[in-house]
PDB file of N, CA and C in Angstrom:
ATOM      1  N   UNK A   1     -29.575   7.104   4.819  1.00  0.00           N
ATOM      2  CA  UNK A   1     -28.888   6.427   5.460  1.00  0.00           C
ATOM      3  C   UNK A   1     -28.535   7.169   6.889  1.00  0.00           C
ATOM      4  N   UNK A   2     -28.719   6.461   8.073  1.00  0.00           N
ATOM      5  CA  UNK A   2     -28.228   6.853   9.307  1.00  0.00           C
ATOM      6  C   UNK A   2     -27.061   6.477  10.053  1.00  0.00           C
ATOM      7  N   UNK A   3     -26.034   7.903  10.343  1.00  0.00           N
ATOM      8  CA  UNK A   3     -24.921   7.441  10.596  1.00  0.00           C
ATOM      9  C   UNK A   3     -24.973   6.892  12.210  1.00  0.00           C
ATOM     10  N   UNK A   4     -24.354   6.349  12.716  1.00  0.00           N
ATOM     11  CA  UNK A   4     -24.241   5.860  14.123  1.00  0.00           C
ATOM     12  C   UNK A   4     -23.358   6.087  14.775  1.00  0.00           C
ATOM     13  N   UNK A   5     -22.009   6.437  14.128  1.00  0.00           N
ATOM     14  CA  UNK A   5     -20.751   7.300  14.850  1.00  0.00           C
ATOM     15  C   UNK A   5     -20.466   8.666  13.738  1.00  0.00           C
ATOM     16  N   UNK A   6     -20.300   9.679  14.585  1.00  0.00           N
ATOM     17  CA  UNK A   6     -19.632  10.884  13.695  1.00  0.00           C
ATOM     18  C   UNK A   6     -18.099  10.615  12.955  1.00  0.00           C
ATOM     19  N   UNK A   7     -18.035  11.100  11.996  1.00  0.00           N
ATOM     20  CA  UNK A   7     -16.698  10.508  10.973  1.00  0.00           C
ATOM     21  C   UNK A   7     -15.469  11.169  11.867  1.00  0.00           C
ATOM     22  N   UNK A   8     -15.354  11.969  12.508  1.00  0.00           N
ATOM     23  CA  UNK A   8     -14.312  12.937  13.182  1.00  0.00           C
ATOM     24  C   UNK A   8     -14.176  11.798  14.664  1.00  0.00           C
ATOM     25  N   UNK A   9     -15.148  11.151  15.123  1.00  0.00           N
ATOM     26  CA  UNK A   9     -14.995  10.186  16.147  1.00  0.00           C
ATOM     27  C   UNK A   9     -14.325   9.082  15.762  1.00  0.00           C
ATOM     28  N   UNK A  10     -14.517   8.573  14.329  1.00  0.00           N
ATOM     29  CA  UNK A  10     -14.370   7.539  13.605  1.00  0.00           C
ATOM     30  C   UNK A  10     -12.806   7.612  13.970  1.00  0.00           C
ATOM     31  N   UNK A  11     -12.301   8.776  13.233  1.00  0.00           N
ATOM     32  CA  UNK A  11     -10.980   8.944  12.906  1.00  0.00           C
ATOM     33  C   UNK A  11     -10.111   9.199  14.004  1.00  0.00           C
ATOM     34  N   UNK A  12     -10.730   9.365  15.236  1.00  0.00           N
ATOM     35  CA  UNK A  12     -10.099   9.394  16.531  1.00  0.00           C
ATOM     36  C   UNK A  12      -9.994   8.061  16.989  1.00  0.00           C
ATOM     37  N   UNK A  13     -10.918   7.587  16.924  1.00  0.00           N
ATOM     38  CA  UNK A  13     -10.667   6.073  17.285  1.00  0.00           C
ATOM     39  C   UNK A  13      -9.478   5.041  16.336  1.00  0.00           C
ATOM     40  N   UNK A  14      -9.435   5.271  14.936  1.00  0.00           N
ATOM     41  CA  UNK A  14      -8.683   4.818  14.240  1.00  0.00           C
ATOM     42  C   UNK A  14      -7.141   5.466  14.845  1.00  0.00           C
ATOM     43  N   UNK A  15      -7.144   6.498  15.111  1.00  0.00           N
ATOM     44  CA  UNK A  15      -5.904   7.100  15.383  1.00  0.00           C
ATOM     45  C   UNK A  15      -5.098   6.577  16.654  1.00  0.00           C
ATOM     46  N   UNK A  16      -6.327   6.485  17.622  1.00  0.00           N
ATOM     47  CA  UNK A  16      -5.809   5.809  18.998  1.00  0.00           C
ATOM     48  C   UNK A  16      -5.575   4.564  18.623  1.00  0.00           C
ATOM     49  N   UNK A  17      -6.239   3.463  18.199  1.00  0.00           N
ATOM     50  CA  UNK A  17      -5.680   2.302  17.917  1.00  0.00           C
ATOM     51  C   UNK A  17      -4.462   2.202  17.338  1.00  0.00           C
ATOM     52  N   UNK A  18      -4.062   3.076  16.321  1.00  0.00           N
ATOM     53  CA  UNK A  18      -2.857   2.633  15.505  1.00  0.00           C
ATOM     54  C   UNK A  18      -1.815   3.157  16.637  1.00  0.00           C
ATOM     55  N   UNK A  19      -2.089   4.473  17.009  1.00  0.00           N
ATOM     56  CA  UNK A  19      -0.991   5.078  18.235  1.00  0.00           C
ATOM     57  C   UNK A  19      -0.853   3.789  19.386  1.00  0.00           C
ATOM     58  N   UNK A  20      -1.500   2.789  19.642  1.00  0.00           N
ATOM     59  CA  UNK A  20      -1.323   1.680  20.096  1.00  0.00           C
ATOM     60  C   UNK A  20      -0.494   0.595  20.078  1.00  0.00           C
ATOM     61  N   UNK A  21      -0.321   0.621  18.807  1.00  0.00           N
ATOM     62  CA  UNK A  21       0.731  -0.486  18.192  1.00  0.00           C
ATOM     63  C   UNK A  21       2.316  -0.228  18.287  1.00  0.00           C
ATOM     64  N   UNK A  22       3.193  -1.410  18.585  1.00  0.00           N
ATOM     65  CA  UNK A  22       4.138  -1.269  18.449  1.00  0.00           C
ATOM     66  C   UNK A  22       4.951  -1.176  16.873  1.00  0.00           C
ATOM     67  N   UNK A  23       6.019  -0.931  16.901  1.00  0.00           N
ATOM     68  CA  UNK A  23       6.845  -0.484  15.677  1.00  0.00           C
ATOM     69  C   UNK A  23       6.472  -1.701  14.905  1.00  0.00           C
ATOM     70  N   UNK A  24       7.085  -3.088  15.293  1.00  0.00           N
ATOM     71  CA  UNK A  24       6.737  -3.923  14.434  1.00  0.00           C
ATOM     72  C   UNK A  24       5.586  -4.333  13.809  1.00  0.00           C
ATOM     73  N   UNK A  25       4.686  -3.972  14.348  1.00  0.00           N
ATOM     74  CA  UNK A  25       3.173  -3.972  14.010  1.00  0.00           C
ATOM     75  C   UNK A  25       3.020  -2.941  12.620  1.00  0.00           C
ATOM     76  N   UNK A  26       3.258  -2.171  13.230  1.00  0.00           N
ATOM     77  CA  UNK A  26       3.248  -0.591  12.377  1.00  0.00           C
ATOM     78  C   UNK A  26       3.837  -1.077  10.854  1.00  0.00           C
ATOM     79  N   UNK A  27       5.265  -1.390  10.927  1.00  0.00           N
ATOM     80  CA  UNK A  27       5.781  -1.699   9.754  1.00  0.00           C
ATOM     81  C   UNK A  27       5.032  -2.957   8.885  1.00  0.00           C
ATOM     82  N   UNK A  28       5.204  -4.032   9.620  1.00  0.00           N
ATOM     83  CA  UNK A  28       4.224  -5.081   8.958  1.00  0.00           C
ATOM     84  C   UNK A  28       3.004  -4.603   8.459  1.00  0.00           C
ATOM     85  N   UNK A  29       2.151  -3.910   8.886  1.00  0.00           N
ATOM     86  CA  UNK A  29       0.670  -3.476   8.504  1.00  0.00           C
ATOM     87  C   UNK A  29       1.066  -2.264   7.606  1.00  0.00           C
ATOM     88  N   UNK A  30       2.072  -1.659   7.464  1.00  0.00           N
ATOM     89  CA  UNK A  30       2.398  -0.791   6.133  1.00  0.00           C
ATOM     90  C   UNK A  30       3.068  -1.424   5.017  1.00  0.00           C
ATOM     91  N   UNK A  31       3.888  -2.507   5.278  1.00  0.00           N
ATOM     92  CA  UNK A  31       4.216  -3.417   4.187  1.00  0.00           C
ATOM     93  C   UNK A  31       3.417  -3.916   3.754  1.00  0.00           C
ATOM     94  N   UNK A  32       2.308  -4.769   4.514  1.00  0.00           N
ATOM     95  CA  UNK A  32       1.531  -5.450   3.634  1.00  0.00           C
ATOM     96  C   UNK A  32       0.425  -4.499   2.672  1.00  0.00           C
ATOM     97  N   UNK A  33      -0.067  -3.418   3.218  1.00  0.00           N
ATOM     98  CA  UNK A  33      -0.846  -2.119   2.632  1.00  0.00           C
ATOM     99  C   UNK A  33      -0.234  -1.916   1.127  1.00  0.00           C
ATOM    100  N   UNK A  34       1.231  -1.357   1.397  1.00  0.00           N
ATOM    101  CA  UNK A  34       1.731  -0.981   0.207  1.00  0.00           C
ATOM    102  C   UNK A  34       2.163  -2.143  -0.957  1.00  0.00           C
ATOM    103  N   UNK A  35       2.262  -3.595  -0.367  1.00  0.00           N
ATOM    104  CA  UNK A  35       2.264  -4.499  -1.335  1.00  0.00           C
ATOM    105  C   UNK A  35       0.994  -4.848  -2.009  1.00  0.00           C
ATOM    106  N   UNK A  36      -0.153  -4.773  -1.407  1.00  0.00           N
ATOM    107  CA  UNK A  36      -1.604  -4.680  -1.951  1.00  0.00           C
ATOM    108  C   UNK A  36      -1.716  -3.642  -2.898  1.00  0.00           C
ATOM    109  N   UNK A  37      -1.315  -2.403  -2.513  1.00  0.00           N
ATOM    110  CA  UNK A  37      -1.399  -1.351  -3.267  1.00  0.00           C
ATOM    111  C   UNK A  37      -0.749  -1.524  -4.820  1.00  0.00           C
ATOM    112  N   UNK A  38       0.687  -2.038  -4.680  1.00  0.00           N
ATOM    113  CA  UNK A  38       1.404  -2.065  -5.835  1.00  0.00           C
ATOM    114  C   UNK A  38       1.133  -3.177  -6.604  1.00  0.00           C
ATOM    115  N   UNK A  39       0.298  -4.426  -6.026  1.00  0.00           N
ATOM    116  CA  UNK A  39      -0.017  -5.522  -6.940  1.00  0.00           C
ATOM    117  C   UNK A  39      -1.262  -5.533  -7.330  1.00  0.00           C
ATOM    118  N   UNK A  40      -1.954  -4.239  -7.381  1.00  0.00           N
ATOM    119  CA  UNK A  40      -3.083  -4.061  -7.668  1.00  0.00           C
ATOM    120  C   UNK A  40      -3.062  -3.593  -9.375  1.00  0.00           C
ATOM    121  N   UNK A  41      -3.883  -4.588  -9.998  1.00  0.00           N
ATOM    122  CA  UNK A  41      -3.497  -4.521 -11.445  1.00  0.00           C
ATOM    123  C   UNK A  41      -4.472  -3.403 -12.177  1.00  0.00           C
ATOM    124  N   UNK A  42      -5.308  -2.921 -11.378  1.00  0.00           N
ATOM    125  CA  UNK A  42      -5.908  -1.663 -12.066  1.00  0.00           C
ATOM    126  C   UNK A  42      -5.124  -0.359 -12.179  1.00  0.00           C
ATOM    127  N   UNK A  43      -4.147  -0.246 -11.279  1.00  0.00           N
ATOM    128  CA  UNK A  43      -2.972   0.657 -11.563  1.00  0.00           C
ATOM    129  C   UNK A  43      -2.512   0.742 -13.097  1.00  0.00           C
ATOM    130  N   UNK A  44      -2.247   1.976 -13.307  1.00  0.00           N
ATOM    131  CA  UNK A  44      -1.221   2.012 -14.569  1.00  0.00           C
ATOM    132  C   UNK A  44       0.326   1.489 -14.212  1.00  0.00           C
ATOM    133  N   UNK A  45       0.610   0.602 -15.405  1.00  0.00           N
ATOM    134  CA  UNK A  45       2.239   0.212 -15.264  1.00  0.00           C
ATOM    135  C   UNK A  45       2.973   1.229 -14.575  1.00  0.00           C
ATOM    136  N   UNK A  46       2.869   2.492 -14.825  1.00  0.00           N
ATOM    137  CA  UNK A  46       3.810   3.500 -14.352  1.00  0.00           C
ATOM    138  C   UNK A  46       3.777   3.765 -12.655  1.00  0.00           C
ATOM    139  N   UNK A  47       2.613   3.184 -12.154  1.00  0.00           N
ATOM    140  CA  UNK A  47       2.540   3.216 -10.971  1.00  0.00           C
ATOM    141  C   UNK A  47       3.835   2.472 -10.104  1.00  0.00           C
ATOM    142  N   UNK A  48       3.816   0.858 -10.445  1.00  0.00           N
ATOM    143  CA  UNK A  48       4.685   0.115 -10.036  1.00  0.00           C
ATOM    144  C   UNK A  48       6.368   0.205 -10.707  1.00  0.00           C
ATOM    145  N   UNK A  49       6.300   0.829 -11.763  1.00  0.00           N
ATOM    146  CA  UNK A  49       7.888   1.416 -12.366  1.00  0.00           C
ATOM    147  C   UNK A  49       8.178   2.319 -11.477  1.00  0.00           C
ATOM    148  N   UNK A  50       7.762   3.249 -10.977  1.00  0.00           N
ATOM    149  CA  UNK A  50       8.193   4.233 -10.211  1.00  0.00           C
ATOM    150  C   UNK A  50       8.703   3.744  -8.993  1.00  0.00           C
ATOM    151  N   UNK A  51       7.682   2.759  -8.444  1.00  0.00           N
ATOM    152  CA  UNK A  51       8.166   1.875  -7.075  1.00  0.00           C
ATOM    153  C   UNK A  51       9.638   1.197  -7.141  1.00  0.00           C
ATOM    154  N   UNK A  52       9.747   0.758  -8.304  1.00  0.00           N
ATOM    155  CA  UNK A  52      10.942  -0.022  -8.865  1.00  0.00           C
ATOM    156  C   UNK A  52      11.932   0.809  -8.916  1.00  0.00           C
ATOM    157  N   UNK A  53      11.602   1.783  -9.735  1.00  0.00           N
ATOM    158  CA  UNK A  53      12.792   2.842 -10.052  1.00  0.00           C
ATOM    159  C   UNK A  53      13.541   3.063  -8.749  1.00  0.00           C
ATOM    160  N   UNK A  54      12.902   3.664  -7.974  1.00  0.00           N
ATOM    161  CA  UNK A  54      13.405   4.133  -6.419  1.00  0.00           C
ATOM    162  C   UNK A  54      13.794   2.921  -5.617  1.00  0.00           C
ATOM    163  N   UNK A  55      13.006   2.196  -5.614  1.00  0.00           N
ATOM    164  CA  UNK A  55      13.512   1.050  -4.382  1.00  0.00           C
ATOM    165  C   UNK A  55      13.744  -0.401  -4.977  1.00  0.00           C
ATOM    166  N   UNK A  56      13.603  -0.477  -5.813  1.00  0.00           N
ATOM    167  CA  UNK A  56      13.552  -2.040  -6.570  1.00  0.00           C
ATOM    168  C   UNK A  56      15.049  -2.449  -6.391  1.00  0.00           C
ATOM    169  N   UNK A  57      15.457  -3.520  -6.591  1.00  0.00           N
ATOM    170  CA  UNK A  57      16.847  -3.985  -6.693  1.00  0.00           C
ATOM    171  C   UNK A  57      17.323  -3.585  -7.949  1.00  0.00           C
ATOM    172  N   UNK A  58      18.772  -2.697  -7.661  1.00  0.00           N
ATOM    173  CA  UNK A  58      19.461  -2.191  -9.038  1.00  0.00           C
ATOM    174  C   UNK A  58      19.838  -3.478  -9.666  1.00  0.00           C
ATOM    175  N   UNK A  59      19.712  -2.792 -10.981  1.00  0.00           N
ATOM    176  CA  UNK A  59      20.033  -3.773 -11.867  1.00  0.00           C
ATOM    177  C   UNK A  59      18.963  -4.540 -12.571  1.00  0.00           C
ATOM    178  N   UNK A  60      17.979  -4.523 -11.921  1.00  0.00           N
ATOM    179  CA  UNK A  60      16.617  -5.361 -12.187  1.00  0.00           C
ATOM    180  C   UNK A  60      15.744  -4.327 -13.194  1.00  0.00           C
ATOM    181  N   UNK A  61      15.372  -4.852 -14.275  1.00  0.00           N
ATOM    182  CA  UNK A  61      15.001  -4.347 -15.040  1.00  0.00           C
ATOM    183  C   UNK A  61      13.870  -5.215 -16.059  1.00  0.00           C
ATOM    184  N   UNK A  62      12.628  -4.633 -16.308  1.00  0.00           N
ATOM    185  CA  UNK A  62      11.707  -5.332 -16.965  1.00  0.00           C
ATOM    186  C   UNK A  62      11.927  -4.833 -18.619  1.00  0.00           C
ATOM    187  N   UNK A  63      11.969  -5.607 -19.637  1.00  0.00           N
ATOM    188  CA  UNK A  63      12.137  -5.313 -20.805  1.00  0.00           C
ATOM    189  C   UNK A  63      10.957  -4.743 -21.540  1.00  0.00           C
ATOM    190  N   UNK A  64       9.847  -5.417 -21.389  1.00  0.00           N
ATOM    191  CA  UNK A  64       8.564  -4.896 -21.666  1.00  0.00           C
ATOM    192  C   UNK A  64       7.296  -5.189 -20.723  1.00  0.00           C
ATOM    193  N   UNK A  65       6.196  -4.908 -21.077  1.00  0.00           N
ATOM    194  CA  UNK A  65       5.346  -5.248 -20.067  1.00  0.00           C
ATOM    195  C   UNK A  65       4.524  -6.304 -20.293  1.00  0.00           C
ATOM    196  N   UNK A  66       4.712  -7.217 -21.200  1.00  0.00           N
ATOM    197  CA  UNK A  66       4.370  -8.345 -21.357  1.00  0.00           C
ATOM    198  C   UNK A  66       4.074  -9.397 -20.024  1.00  0.00           C
ATOM    199  N   UNK A  67       3.106  -9.758 -19.624  1.00  0.00           N
ATOM    200  CA  UNK A  67       2.743 -10.662 -18.452  1.00  0.00           C
ATOM    201  C   UNK A  67       2.808  -9.581 -16.979  1.00  0.00           C
ATOM    202  N   UNK A  68       2.622  -8.441 -17.317  1.00  0.00           N
ATOM    203  CA  UNK A  68       2.624  -7.733 -16.229  1.00  0.00           C
ATOM    204  C   UNK A  68       2.179  -8.293 -14.937  1.00  0.00           C
ATOM    205  N   UNK A  69       2.778  -8.296 -13.697  1.00  0.00           N
ATOM    206  CA  UNK A  69       2.536  -9.110 -12.561  1.00  0.00           C
ATOM    207  C   UNK A  69       1.911 -10.327 -12.651  1.00  0.00           C
ATOM    208  N   UNK A  70       2.690 -11.111 -13.856  1.00  0.00           N
ATOM    209  CA  UNK A  70       2.463 -12.730 -14.206  1.00  0.00           C
ATOM    210  C   UNK A  70       1.362 -12.840 -14.860  1.00  0.00           C
ATOM    211  N   UNK A  71       0.758 -11.787 -15.392  1.00  0.00           N
ATOM    212  CA  UNK A  71      -0.689 -11.839 -15.846  1.00  0.00           C
ATOM    213  C   UNK A  71      -0.423 -12.682 -17.176  1.00  0.00           C
TER     214      UNK A  71
END
């Protein structure tokens, strides 16, 4: 495979692109990406359990793992 761009140059371009975003765009993008990560059913249930324990609504607890993410 022939590389058209150096990986370091790509990383710099990505950093420059993100640096140009306003705060609302950054927060929206981060929220969307984290949501996709935690909704990934290939991850172990403990992955989302940790999120919910730390950041989820207090008092909300899943009794069992049946129907994990509505499956």
